[in-house]
PDB file of N, CA and C in Angstrom:
ATOM      1  N   MET A   1       0.369  -1.183 -20.433  1.00  0.00           N
ATOM      2  CA  MET A   1       0.910  -1.147 -19.240  1.00  0.00           C
ATOM      3  C   MET A   1      -0.047  -1.881 -18.452  1.00  0.00           C
ATOM      4  N   LYS A   2       0.284  -2.523 -17.553  1.00  0.00           N
ATOM      5  CA  LYS A   2      -0.472  -3.495 -16.643  1.00  0.00           C
ATOM      6  C   LYS A   2      -0.255  -3.047 -15.238  1.00  0.00           C
ATOM      7  N   ILE A   3      -1.300  -2.867 -14.622  1.00  0.00           N
ATOM      8  CA  ILE A   3      -1.205  -1.993 -13.136  1.00  0.00           C
ATOM      9  C   ILE A   3      -1.969  -3.075 -12.089  1.00  0.00           C
ATOM     10  N   ALA A   4      -1.195  -3.050 -11.070  1.00  0.00           N
ATOM     11  CA  ALA A   4      -1.512  -3.952 -10.077  1.00  0.00           C
ATOM     12  C   ALA A   4      -2.628  -3.287  -9.189  1.00  0.00           C
ATOM     13  N   GLN A   5      -3.058  -3.979  -8.350  1.00  0.00           N
ATOM     14  CA  GLN A   5      -4.425  -3.703  -7.367  1.00  0.00           C
ATOM     15  C   GLN A   5      -3.799  -2.288  -6.579  1.00  0.00           C
ATOM     16  N   PHE A   6      -4.619  -1.495  -6.474  1.00  0.00           N
ATOM     17  CA  PHE A   6      -4.678  -0.239  -5.471  1.00  0.00           C
ATOM     18  C   PHE A   6      -4.234  -0.708  -3.900  1.00  0.00           C
ATOM     19  N   GLN A   7      -3.436  -0.052  -3.426  1.00  0.00           N
ATOM     20  CA  GLN A   7      -3.003  -0.225  -1.862  1.00  0.00           C
ATOM     21  C   GLN A   7      -3.291   1.098  -1.255  1.00  0.00           C
ATOM     22  N   GLN A   8      -3.627   1.126   0.147  1.00  0.00           N
ATOM     23  CA  GLN A   8      -3.998   2.320   0.766  1.00  0.00           C
ATOM     24  C   GLN A   8      -2.981   2.492   1.773  1.00  0.00           C
ATOM     25  N   PHE A   9      -2.606   3.686   2.121  1.00  0.00           N
ATOM     26  CA  PHE A   9      -1.869   4.003   3.295  1.00  0.00           C
ATOM     27  C   PHE A   9      -2.414   5.268   3.751  1.00  0.00           C
ATOM     28  N   SER A  10      -2.131   5.317   4.996  1.00  0.00           N
ATOM     29  CA  SER A  10      -2.790   6.757   5.723  1.00  0.00           C
ATOM     30  C   SER A  10      -1.788   7.845   5.614  1.00  0.00           C
ATOM     31  N   PHE A  11      -2.380   9.160   5.349  1.00  0.00           N
ATOM     32  CA  PHE A  11      -1.420  10.311   5.337  1.00  0.00           C
ATOM     33  C   PHE A  11      -2.293  11.444   5.776  1.00  0.00           C
ATOM     34  N   ALA A  12      -1.984  12.299   6.683  1.00  0.00           N
ATOM     35  CA  ALA A  12      -2.651  13.313   7.345  1.00  0.00           C
ATOM     36  C   ALA A  12      -4.327  12.984   7.264  1.00  0.00           C
ATOM     37  N   SER A  13      -4.407  11.882   8.232  1.00  0.00           N
ATOM     38  CA  SER A  13      -5.776  11.093   8.381  1.00  0.00           C
ATOM     39  C   SER A  13      -6.550  11.229   7.260  1.00  0.00           C
ATOM     40  N   CYS A  14      -5.941  11.065   5.967  1.00  0.00           N
ATOM     41  CA  CYS A  14      -6.681  10.518   4.836  1.00  0.00           C
ATOM     42  C   CYS A  14      -6.098   9.388   4.048  1.00  0.00           C
ATOM     43  N   ASN A  15      -6.906   8.587   3.802  1.00  0.00           N
ATOM     44  CA  ASN A  15      -6.353   7.399   2.872  1.00  0.00           C
ATOM     45  C   ASN A  15      -5.999   7.675   1.442  1.00  0.00           C
ATOM     46  N   ILE A  16      -4.825   7.237   0.883  1.00  0.00           N
ATOM     47  CA  ILE A  16      -4.652   7.528  -0.248  1.00  0.00           C
ATOM     48  C   ILE A  16      -4.141   6.356  -1.113  1.00  0.00           C
ATOM     49  N   ARG A  17      -4.734   6.066  -2.162  1.00  0.00           N
ATOM     50  CA  ARG A  17      -4.760   4.776  -2.952  1.00  0.00           C
ATOM     51  C   ARG A  17      -3.807   4.977  -3.634  1.00  0.00           C
ATOM     52  N   THR A  18      -2.686   3.955  -3.858  1.00  0.00           N
ATOM     53  CA  THR A  18      -1.466   3.942  -4.592  1.00  0.00           C
ATOM     54  C   THR A  18      -1.374   2.546  -5.392  1.00  0.00           C
ATOM     55  N   THR A  19      -0.404   2.437  -6.353  1.00  0.00           N
ATOM     56  CA  THR A  19      -0.141   1.443  -6.800  1.00  0.00           C
ATOM     57  C   THR A  19       1.248   1.701  -7.424  1.00  0.00           C
ATOM     58  N   VAL A  20       1.715   0.491  -8.121  1.00  0.00           N
ATOM     59  CA  VAL A  20       3.061   0.498  -8.733  1.00  0.00           C
ATOM     60  C   VAL A  20       2.912  -0.406 -10.314  1.00  0.00           C
ATOM     61  N   ASP A  21       3.258   0.330 -11.166  1.00  0.00           N
ATOM     62  CA  ASP A  21       3.210  -0.073 -12.522  1.00  0.00           C
ATOM     63  C   ASP A  21       4.304  -1.462 -12.641  1.00  0.00           C
ATOM     64  N   THR A  22       4.207  -1.960 -13.760  1.00  0.00           N
ATOM     65  CA  THR A  22       5.451  -3.047 -13.936  1.00  0.00           C
ATOM     66  C   THR A  22       6.709  -2.445 -14.075  1.00  0.00           C
ATOM     67  N   SER A  23       6.861  -1.200 -14.368  1.00  0.00           N
ATOM     68  CA  SER A  23       8.338  -0.684 -14.529  1.00  0.00           C
ATOM     69  C   SER A  23       8.787  -0.141 -13.079  1.00  0.00           C
ATOM     70  N   GLY A  24       7.788  -0.311 -12.124  1.00  0.00           N
ATOM     71  CA  GLY A  24       8.379  -0.147 -10.560  1.00  0.00           C
ATOM     72  C   GLY A  24       7.956   1.318 -10.252  1.00  0.00           C
ATOM     73  N   ASN A  25       7.414   2.098 -11.332  1.00  0.00           N
ATOM     74  CA  ASN A  25       6.822   3.590 -11.042  1.00  0.00           C
ATOM     75  C   ASN A  25       5.712   3.663  -9.983  1.00  0.00           C
ATOM     76  N   PRO A  26       5.719   4.424  -9.015  1.00  0.00           N
ATOM     77  CA  PRO A  26       4.623   4.545  -8.274  1.00  0.00           C
ATOM     78  C   PRO A  26       3.497   5.418  -8.986  1.00  0.00           C
ATOM     79  N   TRP A  27       2.137   5.225  -8.623  1.00  0.00           N
ATOM     80  CA  TRP A  27       1.014   6.162  -9.033  1.00  0.00           C
ATOM     81  C   TRP A  27       0.267   6.377  -7.944  1.00  0.00           C
ATOM     82  N   PHE A  28      -0.393   7.607  -7.800  1.00  0.00           N
ATOM     83  CA  PHE A  28      -1.228   7.838  -6.664  1.00  0.00           C
ATOM     84  C   PHE A  28      -2.464   8.404  -7.422  1.00  0.00           C
ATOM     85  N   GLN A  29      -3.686   8.279  -6.753  1.00  0.00           N
ATOM     86  CA  GLN A  29      -4.916   8.483  -7.118  1.00  0.00           C
ATOM     87  C   GLN A  29      -5.120   9.976  -6.921  1.00  0.00           C
ATOM     88  N   THR A  30      -5.219  10.791  -7.980  1.00  0.00           N
ATOM     89  CA  THR A  30      -5.201  12.074  -7.945  1.00  0.00           C
ATOM     90  C   THR A  30      -6.155  12.674  -6.961  1.00  0.00           C
ATOM     91  N   GLY A  31      -7.505  12.116  -6.920  1.00  0.00           N
ATOM     92  CA  GLY A  31      -8.393  12.720  -6.125  1.00  0.00           C
ATOM     93  C   GLY A  31      -8.140  12.642  -4.501  1.00  0.00           C
ATOM     94  N   ASP A  32      -7.230  11.426  -4.111  1.00  0.00           N
ATOM     95  CA  ASP A  32      -6.966  11.419  -2.909  1.00  0.00           C
ATOM     96  C   ASP A  32      -5.898  12.386  -2.463  1.00  0.00           C
ATOM     97  N   VAL A  33      -4.887  12.677  -3.199  1.00  0.00           N
ATOM     98  CA  VAL A  33      -3.990  13.599  -3.137  1.00  0.00           C
ATOM     99  C   VAL A  33      -4.372  14.958  -3.034  1.00  0.00           C
ATOM    100  N   CYS A  34      -5.269  15.224  -3.817  1.00  0.00           N
ATOM    101  CA  CYS A  34      -6.082  16.712  -3.801  1.00  0.00           C
ATOM    102  C   CYS A  34      -6.693  16.830  -2.399  1.00  0.00           C
ATOM    103  N   LYS A  35      -7.241  15.925  -1.934  1.00  0.00           N
ATOM    104  CA  LYS A  35      -7.938  15.902  -0.789  1.00  0.00           C
ATOM    105  C   LYS A  35      -6.862  16.470   0.257  1.00  0.00           C
ATOM    106  N   VAL A  36      -5.807  15.587   0.570  1.00  0.00           N
ATOM    107  CA  VAL A  36      -4.822  15.931   1.431  1.00  0.00           C
ATOM    108  C   VAL A  36      -4.123  17.561   1.348  1.00  0.00           C
ATOM    109  N   ARG A  37      -4.016  17.952   0.095  1.00  0.00           N
ATOM    110  CA  ARG A  37      -3.454  19.150  -0.141  1.00  0.00           C
ATOM    111  C   ARG A  37      -4.725  20.399  -0.156  1.00  0.00           C
ATOM    112  N   ALA A  38      -5.788  19.848  -0.068  1.00  0.00           N
ATOM    113  CA  ALA A  38      -7.070  20.809   0.088  1.00  0.00           C
ATOM    114  C   ALA A  38      -7.339  21.344  -1.372  1.00  0.00           C
ATOM    115  N   ILE A  39      -7.032  20.588  -2.137  1.00  0.00           N
ATOM    116  CA  ILE A  39      -7.312  21.261  -3.663  1.00  0.00           C
ATOM    117  C   ILE A  39      -8.584  20.868  -3.966  1.00  0.00           C
ATOM    118  N   ALA A  40      -9.661  21.907  -4.046  1.00  0.00           N
ATOM    119  CA  ALA A  40     -11.042  21.481  -4.430  1.00  0.00           C
ATOM    120  C   ALA A  40     -11.300  21.005  -6.084  1.00  0.00           C
ATOM    121  N   ASN A  41     -10.497  21.636  -6.750  1.00  0.00           N
ATOM    122  CA  ASN A  41     -10.637  21.029  -8.118  1.00  0.00           C
ATOM    123  C   ASN A  41      -9.494  20.420  -8.752  1.00  0.00           C
ATOM    124  N   SER A  42      -9.558  19.080  -8.818  1.00  0.00           N
ATOM    125  CA  SER A  42      -8.204  18.283  -9.330  1.00  0.00           C
ATOM    126  C   SER A  42      -7.466  18.900 -10.710  1.00  0.00           C
ATOM    127  N   ARG A  43      -8.421  19.369 -11.643  1.00  0.00           N
ATOM    128  CA  ARG A  43      -7.810  19.807 -12.772  1.00  0.00           C
ATOM    129  C   ARG A  43      -6.803  20.854 -12.450  1.00  0.00           C
ATOM    130  N   HIS A  44      -6.889  21.490 -11.501  1.00  0.00           N
ATOM    131  CA  HIS A  44      -5.454  22.523 -10.895  1.00  0.00           C
ATOM    132  C   HIS A  44      -4.589  21.923 -10.847  1.00  0.00           C
ATOM    133  N   ALA A  45      -4.406  20.451 -10.115  1.00  0.00           N
ATOM    134  CA  ALA A  45      -3.257  19.646  -9.943  1.00  0.00           C
ATOM    135  C   ALA A  45      -2.779  19.100 -11.100  1.00  0.00           C
ATOM    136  N   LEU A  46      -3.769  18.842 -12.132  1.00  0.00           N
ATOM    137  CA  LEU A  46      -3.022  18.159 -13.234  1.00  0.00           C
ATOM    138  C   LEU A  46      -2.752  19.264 -14.582  1.00  0.00           C
ATOM    139  N   THR A  47      -3.034  20.323 -14.228  1.00  0.00           N
ATOM    140  CA  THR A  47      -2.647  21.661 -15.235  1.00  0.00           C
ATOM    141  C   THR A  47      -0.968  21.634 -15.103  1.00  0.00           C
ATOM    142  N   ARG A  48      -0.217  21.510 -16.074  1.00  0.00           N
ATOM    143  CA  ARG A  48       1.224  21.820 -16.602  1.00  0.00           C
ATOM    144  C   ARG A  48       1.464  23.184 -16.797  1.00  0.00           C
ATOM    145  N   LEU A  49       2.112  24.205 -16.230  1.00  0.00           N
ATOM    146  CA  LEU A  49       2.069  25.590 -16.369  1.00  0.00           C
ATOM    147  C   LEU A  49       2.943  25.629 -17.726  1.00  0.00           C
ATOM    148  N   GLU A  50       3.699  24.855 -18.102  1.00  0.00           N
ATOM    149  CA  GLU A  50       4.389  25.203 -19.559  1.00  0.00           C
ATOM    150  C   GLU A  50       3.496  25.017 -20.709  1.00  0.00           C
ATOM    151  N   GLN A  51       2.300  24.353 -20.608  1.00  0.00           N
ATOM    152  CA  GLN A  51       1.336  24.038 -21.528  1.00  0.00           C
ATOM    153  C   GLN A  51       0.130  24.921 -21.580  1.00  0.00           C
ATOM    154  N   GLU A  52       0.184  25.759 -20.638  1.00  0.00           N
ATOM    155  CA  GLU A  52      -0.929  26.778 -20.444  1.00  0.00           C
ATOM    156  C   GLU A  52      -0.924  27.853 -21.359  1.00  0.00           C
ATOM    157  N   THR A  53      -1.980  28.128 -22.067  1.00  0.00           N
ATOM    158  CA  THR A  53      -2.119  29.001 -23.288  1.00  0.00           C
ATOM    159  C   THR A  53      -2.668  30.251 -22.687  1.00  0.00           C
ATOM    160  N   ARG A  54      -3.291  30.441 -21.546  1.00  0.00           N
ATOM    161  CA  ARG A  54      -3.798  31.706 -20.916  1.00  0.00           C
ATOM    162  C   ARG A  54      -2.670  32.496 -20.551  1.00  0.00           C
ATOM    163  N   SER A  55      -2.616  33.847 -20.923  1.00  0.00           N
ATOM    164  CA  SER A  55      -1.830  34.775 -20.431  1.00  0.00           C
ATOM    165  C   SER A  55      -1.842  34.922 -18.893  1.00  0.00           C
ATOM    166  N   ALA A  56      -2.706  34.675 -18.326  1.00  0.00           N
ATOM    167  CA  ALA A  56      -3.015  35.006 -16.735  1.00  0.00           C
ATOM    168  C   ALA A  56      -3.676  33.667 -16.076  1.00  0.00           C
ATOM    169  N   GLN A  57      -3.136  33.418 -14.822  1.00  0.00           N
ATOM    170  CA  GLN A  57      -3.798  32.277 -14.124  1.00  0.00           C
ATOM    171  C   GLN A  57      -4.748  32.928 -13.030  1.00  0.00           C
ATOM    172  N   PRO A  58      -5.821  32.074 -12.804  1.00  0.00           N
ATOM    173  CA  PRO A  58      -6.853  32.640 -11.648  1.00  0.00           C
ATOM    174  C   PRO A  58      -5.844  32.380 -10.482  1.00  0.00           C
ATOM    175  N   THR A  59      -6.371  32.996  -9.241  1.00  0.00           N
ATOM    176  CA  THR A  59      -5.919  33.121  -8.258  1.00  0.00           C
ATOM    177  C   THR A  59      -5.499  31.570  -7.637  1.00  0.00           C
ATOM    178  N   ALA A  60      -6.481  30.855  -7.817  1.00  0.00           N
ATOM    179  CA  ALA A  60      -6.530  29.370  -7.273  1.00  0.00           C
ATOM    180  C   ALA A  60      -5.229  28.653  -7.824  1.00  0.00           C
ATOM    181  N   GLN A  61      -5.080  28.774  -9.306  1.00  0.00           N
ATOM    182  CA  GLN A  61      -4.232  27.988  -9.901  1.00  0.00           C
ATOM    183  C   GLN A  61      -2.839  28.599  -9.723  1.00  0.00           C
ATOM    184  N   GLY A  62      -2.744  30.072  -9.820  1.00  0.00           N
ATOM    185  CA  GLY A  62      -1.368  30.654  -9.417  1.00  0.00           C
ATOM    186  C   GLY A  62      -0.769  30.238  -8.040  1.00  0.00           C
ATOM    187  N   ALA A  63      -1.801  30.119  -7.003  1.00  0.00           N
ATOM    188  CA  ALA A  63      -1.437  29.585  -5.763  1.00  0.00           C
ATOM    189  C   ALA A  63      -0.839  28.176  -5.646  1.00  0.00           C
ATOM    190  N   PHE A  64      -1.829  27.394  -6.657  1.00  0.00           N
ATOM    191  CA  PHE A  64      -1.029  26.074  -6.493  1.00  0.00           C
ATOM    192  C   PHE A  64       0.053  25.818  -7.260  1.00  0.00           C
ATOM    193  N   HIS A  65       0.589  26.499  -8.440  1.00  0.00           N
ATOM    194  CA  HIS A  65       1.740  26.400  -9.136  1.00  0.00           C
ATOM    195  C   HIS A  65       2.979  27.144  -8.296  1.00  0.00           C
ATOM    196  N   LEU A  66       2.545  28.012  -7.275  1.00  0.00           N
ATOM    197  CA  LEU A  66       3.530  28.571  -6.574  1.00  0.00           C
ATOM    198  C   LEU A  66       3.767  27.749  -5.218  1.00  0.00           C
ATOM    199  N   ASN A  67       2.918  26.915  -4.800  1.00  0.00           N
ATOM    200  CA  ASN A  67       2.769  26.112  -3.514  1.00  0.00           C
ATOM    201  C   ASN A  67       2.605  27.022  -2.558  1.00  0.00           C
ATOM    202  N   ARG A  68       1.558  28.229  -2.506  1.00  0.00           N
ATOM    203  CA  ARG A  68       1.126  29.179  -1.677  1.00  0.00           C
ATOM    204  C   ARG A  68      -0.279  29.056  -1.473  1.00  0.00           C
ATOM    205  N   GLU A  69      -0.795  29.620  -0.527  1.00  0.00           N
ATOM    206  CA  GLU A  69      -1.974  29.895  -0.181  1.00  0.00           C
ATOM    207  C   GLU A  69      -2.706  31.093  -1.166  1.00  0.00           C
ATOM    208  N   GLN A  70      -3.859  30.912  -1.497  1.00  0.00           N
ATOM    209  CA  GLN A  70      -4.359  32.053  -2.321  1.00  0.00           C
ATOM    210  C   GLN A  70      -4.299  33.326  -1.498  1.00  0.00           C
ATOM    211  N   GLN A  71      -4.604  33.300  -0.232  1.00  0.00           N
ATOM    212  CA  GLN A  71      -4.563  34.546   0.556  1.00  0.00           C
ATOM    213  C   GLN A  71      -3.157  35.180   0.517  1.00  0.00           C
ATOM    214  N   THR A  72      -2.085  34.377   0.333  1.00  0.00           N
ATOM    215  CA  THR A  72      -0.888  35.099   0.147  1.00  0.00           C
ATOM    216  C   THR A  72      -0.712  35.911  -1.130  1.00  0.00           C
ATOM    217  N   LEU A  73      -1.376  35.534  -2.200  1.00  0.00           N
ATOM    218  CA  LEU A  73      -1.319  36.030  -3.592  1.00  0.00           C
ATOM    219  C   LEU A  73      -1.973  37.468  -3.102  1.00  0.00           C
ATOM    220  N   ARG A  74      -3.291  37.284  -2.611  1.00  0.00           N
ATOM    221  CA  ARG A  74      -4.126  38.549  -2.314  1.00  0.00           C
ATOM    222  C   ARG A  74      -3.300  39.601  -1.668  1.00  0.00           C
ATOM    223  N   LEU A  75      -2.596  38.880  -0.632  1.00  0.00           N
ATOM    224  CA  LEU A  75      -1.766  40.078   0.166  1.00  0.00           C
ATOM    225  C   LEU A  75      -0.598  40.571  -0.558  1.00  0.00           C
ATOM    226  N   TRP A  76      -0.082  39.754  -1.233  1.00  0.00           N
ATOM    227  CA  TRP A  76       0.969  40.391  -2.333  1.00  0.00           C
ATOM    228  C   TRP A  76       0.375  41.633  -3.193  1.00  0.00           C
ATOM    229  N   ALA A  77      -0.703  41.239  -3.860  1.00  0.00           N
ATOM    230  CA  ALA A  77      -1.728  42.137  -4.609  1.00  0.00           C
ATOM    231  C   ALA A  77      -1.893  43.383  -3.861  1.00  0.00           C
ATOM    232  N   MET A  78      -2.558  43.047  -2.819  1.00  0.00           N
ATOM    233  CA  MET A  78      -2.907  44.283  -1.827  1.00  0.00           C
ATOM    234  C   MET A  78      -1.668  45.350  -1.267  1.00  0.00           C
ATOM    235  N   ARG A  79      -0.693  44.714  -1.050  1.00  0.00           N
ATOM    236  CA  ARG A  79       0.564  45.581  -0.484  1.00  0.00           C
ATOM    237  C   ARG A  79       1.421  45.914  -1.882  1.00  0.00           C
ATOM    238  N   ASN A  80       1.135  45.238  -3.008  1.00  0.00           N
ATOM    239  CA  ASN A  80       1.938  45.580  -4.296  1.00  0.00           C
ATOM    240  C   ASN A  80       3.549  45.312  -3.754  1.00  0.00           C
ATOM    241  N   ASP A  81       3.767  44.214  -3.189  1.00  0.00           N
ATOM    242  CA  ASP A  81       5.204  43.966  -2.784  1.00  0.00           C
ATOM    243  C   ASP A  81       5.424  42.533  -3.064  1.00  0.00           C
ATOM    244  N   GLY A  82       4.718  41.818  -3.995  1.00  0.00           N
ATOM    245  CA  GLY A  82       4.999  40.549  -4.339  1.00  0.00           C
ATOM    246  C   GLY A  82       5.930  40.317  -5.617  1.00  0.00           C
ATOM    247  N   PRO A  83       6.286  38.912  -5.288  1.00  0.00           N
ATOM    248  CA  PRO A  83       7.585  38.528  -6.560  1.00  0.00           C
ATOM    249  C   PRO A  83       6.891  38.860  -8.019  1.00  0.00           C
ATOM    250  N   ALA A  84       5.522  38.640  -7.943  1.00  0.00           N
ATOM    251  CA  ALA A  84       4.796  38.732  -9.232  1.00  0.00           C
ATOM    252  C   ALA A  84       3.800  39.839  -9.160  1.00  0.00           C
ATOM    253  N   LYS A  85       3.678  40.591 -10.144  1.00  0.00           N
ATOM    254  CA  LYS A  85       2.504  41.594 -10.130  1.00  0.00           C
ATOM    255  C   LYS A  85       1.320  41.250 -10.518  1.00  0.00           C
ATOM    256  N   CYS A  86       0.393  41.204  -9.745  1.00  0.00           N
ATOM    257  CA  CYS A  86      -1.006  40.456 -10.237  1.00  0.00           C
ATOM    258  C   CYS A  86      -1.902  41.653 -11.081  1.00  0.00           C
ATOM    259  N   LEU A  87      -2.773  40.820 -11.846  1.00  0.00           N
ATOM    260  CA  LEU A  87      -3.587  41.767 -12.903  1.00  0.00           C
ATOM    261  C   LEU A  87      -4.915  41.750 -12.262  1.00  0.00           C
ATOM    262  N   ARG A  88      -5.342  42.874 -12.120  1.00  0.00           N
ATOM    263  CA  ARG A  88      -7.060  43.148 -11.834  1.00  0.00           C
ATOM    264  C   ARG A  88      -7.896  43.024 -13.059  1.00  0.00           C
ATOM    265  N   ILE A  89      -8.722  41.958 -13.163  1.00  0.00           N
ATOM    266  CA  ILE A  89      -9.335  41.604 -14.181  1.00  0.00           C
ATOM    267  C   ILE A  89     -10.833  41.580 -13.774  1.00  0.00           C
ATOM    268  N   ASN A  90     -11.644  42.540 -14.122  1.00  0.00           N
ATOM    269  CA  ASN A  90     -13.080  42.340 -13.861  1.00  0.00           C
ATOM    270  C   ASN A  90     -13.412  42.177 -12.278  1.00  0.00           C
ATOM    271  N   GLY A  91     -12.633  42.751 -11.397  1.00  0.00           N
ATOM    272  CA  GLY A  91     -12.796  42.465 -10.035  1.00  0.00           C
ATOM    273  C   GLY A  91     -12.042  41.183  -9.318  1.00  0.00           C
ATOM    274  N   ARG A  92     -11.421  40.507 -10.170  1.00  0.00           N
ATOM    275  CA  ARG A  92     -10.619  39.400  -9.735  1.00  0.00           C
ATOM    276  C   ARG A  92      -9.061  39.686  -9.930  1.00  0.00           C
ATOM    277  N   LEU A  93      -8.141  38.960  -9.289  1.00  0.00           N
ATOM    278  CA  LEU A  93      -6.925  38.991  -9.442  1.00  0.00           C
ATOM    279  C   LEU A  93      -6.555  37.477 -10.268  1.00  0.00           C
ATOM    280  N   ASP A  94      -5.505  38.160 -11.126  1.00  0.00           N
ATOM    281  CA  ASP A  94      -4.859  36.900 -11.862  1.00  0.00           C
ATOM    282  C   ASP A  94      -3.562  37.036 -11.876  1.00  0.00           C
ATOM    283  N   GLY A  95      -2.814  35.920 -12.004  1.00  0.00           N
ATOM    284  CA  GLY A  95      -1.276  36.241 -11.974  1.00  0.00           C
ATOM    285  C   GLY A  95      -0.575  35.763 -13.398  1.00  0.00           C
ATOM    286  N   PRO A  96       0.179  36.540 -13.734  1.00  0.00           N
ATOM    287  CA  PRO A  96       0.658  36.634 -15.335  1.00  0.00           C
ATOM    288  C   PRO A  96       1.491  35.209 -15.209  1.00  0.00           C
ATOM    289  N   THR A  97       1.084  34.592 -16.345  1.00  0.00           N
ATOM    290  CA  THR A  97       1.587  33.212 -16.653  1.00  0.00           C
ATOM    291  C   THR A  97       3.072  33.251 -16.836  1.00  0.00           C
ATOM    292  N   ASP A  98       3.716  34.197 -17.319  1.00  0.00           N
ATOM    293  CA  ASP A  98       4.964  34.427 -17.687  1.00  0.00           C
ATOM    294  C   ASP A  98       5.889  34.550 -16.484  1.00  0.00           C
ATOM    295  N   ALA A  99       5.205  35.326 -15.600  1.00  0.00           N
ATOM    296  CA  ALA A  99       5.837  35.833 -14.389  1.00  0.00           C
ATOM    297  C   ALA A  99       5.904  34.719 -13.296  1.00  0.00           C
ATOM    298  N   ILE A 100       4.937  33.726 -13.306  1.00  0.00           N
ATOM    299  CA  ILE A 100       4.763  32.671 -12.504  1.00  0.00           C
ATOM    300  C   ILE A 100       5.904  31.677 -12.867  1.00  0.00           C
ATOM    301  N   CYS A 101       6.027  31.536 -14.174  1.00  0.00           N
ATOM    302  CA  CYS A 101       7.063  30.682 -14.813  1.00  0.00           C
ATOM    303  C   CYS A 101       8.546  31.105 -14.438  1.00  0.00           C
ATOM    304  N   LYS A 102       8.584  32.636 -14.540  1.00  0.00           N
ATOM    305  CA  LYS A 102      10.115  32.965 -14.036  1.00  0.00           C
ATOM    306  C   LYS A 102      10.190  32.815 -12.618  1.00  0.00           C
ATOM    307  N   LEU A 103       9.275  32.818 -11.684  1.00  0.00           N
ATOM    308  CA  LEU A 103       9.623  32.458 -10.271  1.00  0.00           C
ATOM    309  C   LEU A 103       9.773  31.032 -10.130  1.00  0.00           C
ATOM    310  N   LEU A 104       9.296  30.204 -10.993  1.00  0.00           N
ATOM    311  CA  LEU A 104       9.556  28.929 -10.760  1.00  0.00           C
ATOM    312  C   LEU A 104      10.894  28.370 -11.543  1.00  0.00           C
ATOM    313  N   GLY A 105      11.536  29.412 -12.107  1.00  0.00           N
ATOM    314  CA  GLY A 105      12.714  28.981 -12.957  1.00  0.00           C
ATOM    315  C   GLY A 105      12.750  28.584 -14.244  1.00  0.00           C
ATOM    316  N   GLY A 106      11.406  28.771 -14.579  1.00  0.00           N
ATOM    317  CA  GLY A 106      11.251  28.531 -16.264  1.00  0.00           C
ATOM    318  C   GLY A 106      11.328  29.419 -17.230  1.00  0.00           C
TER     319      GLY A 106
END
């Protein structure tokens, strides 16, 4: 697959590098997209939930997959009224992977 040079465009005052492959498919530079979405760890953005082997997701990854802020998941856990019941593991909150998949229609 031959890829052309990157082109930049501005979105939310951040420059995002993009290119188009020979088949006409657009490709975006992951690090740039993560900056716009305020994702500190780009591995969270690249993890596919269907391929996840862990039974529970840390708050940051659960929030990413549900397209919510981390604080929203914490509020759901505190109020015990969220769509997925969080697990408390050694003082941290994790969301059950199967419950997150069900919420996403999987």
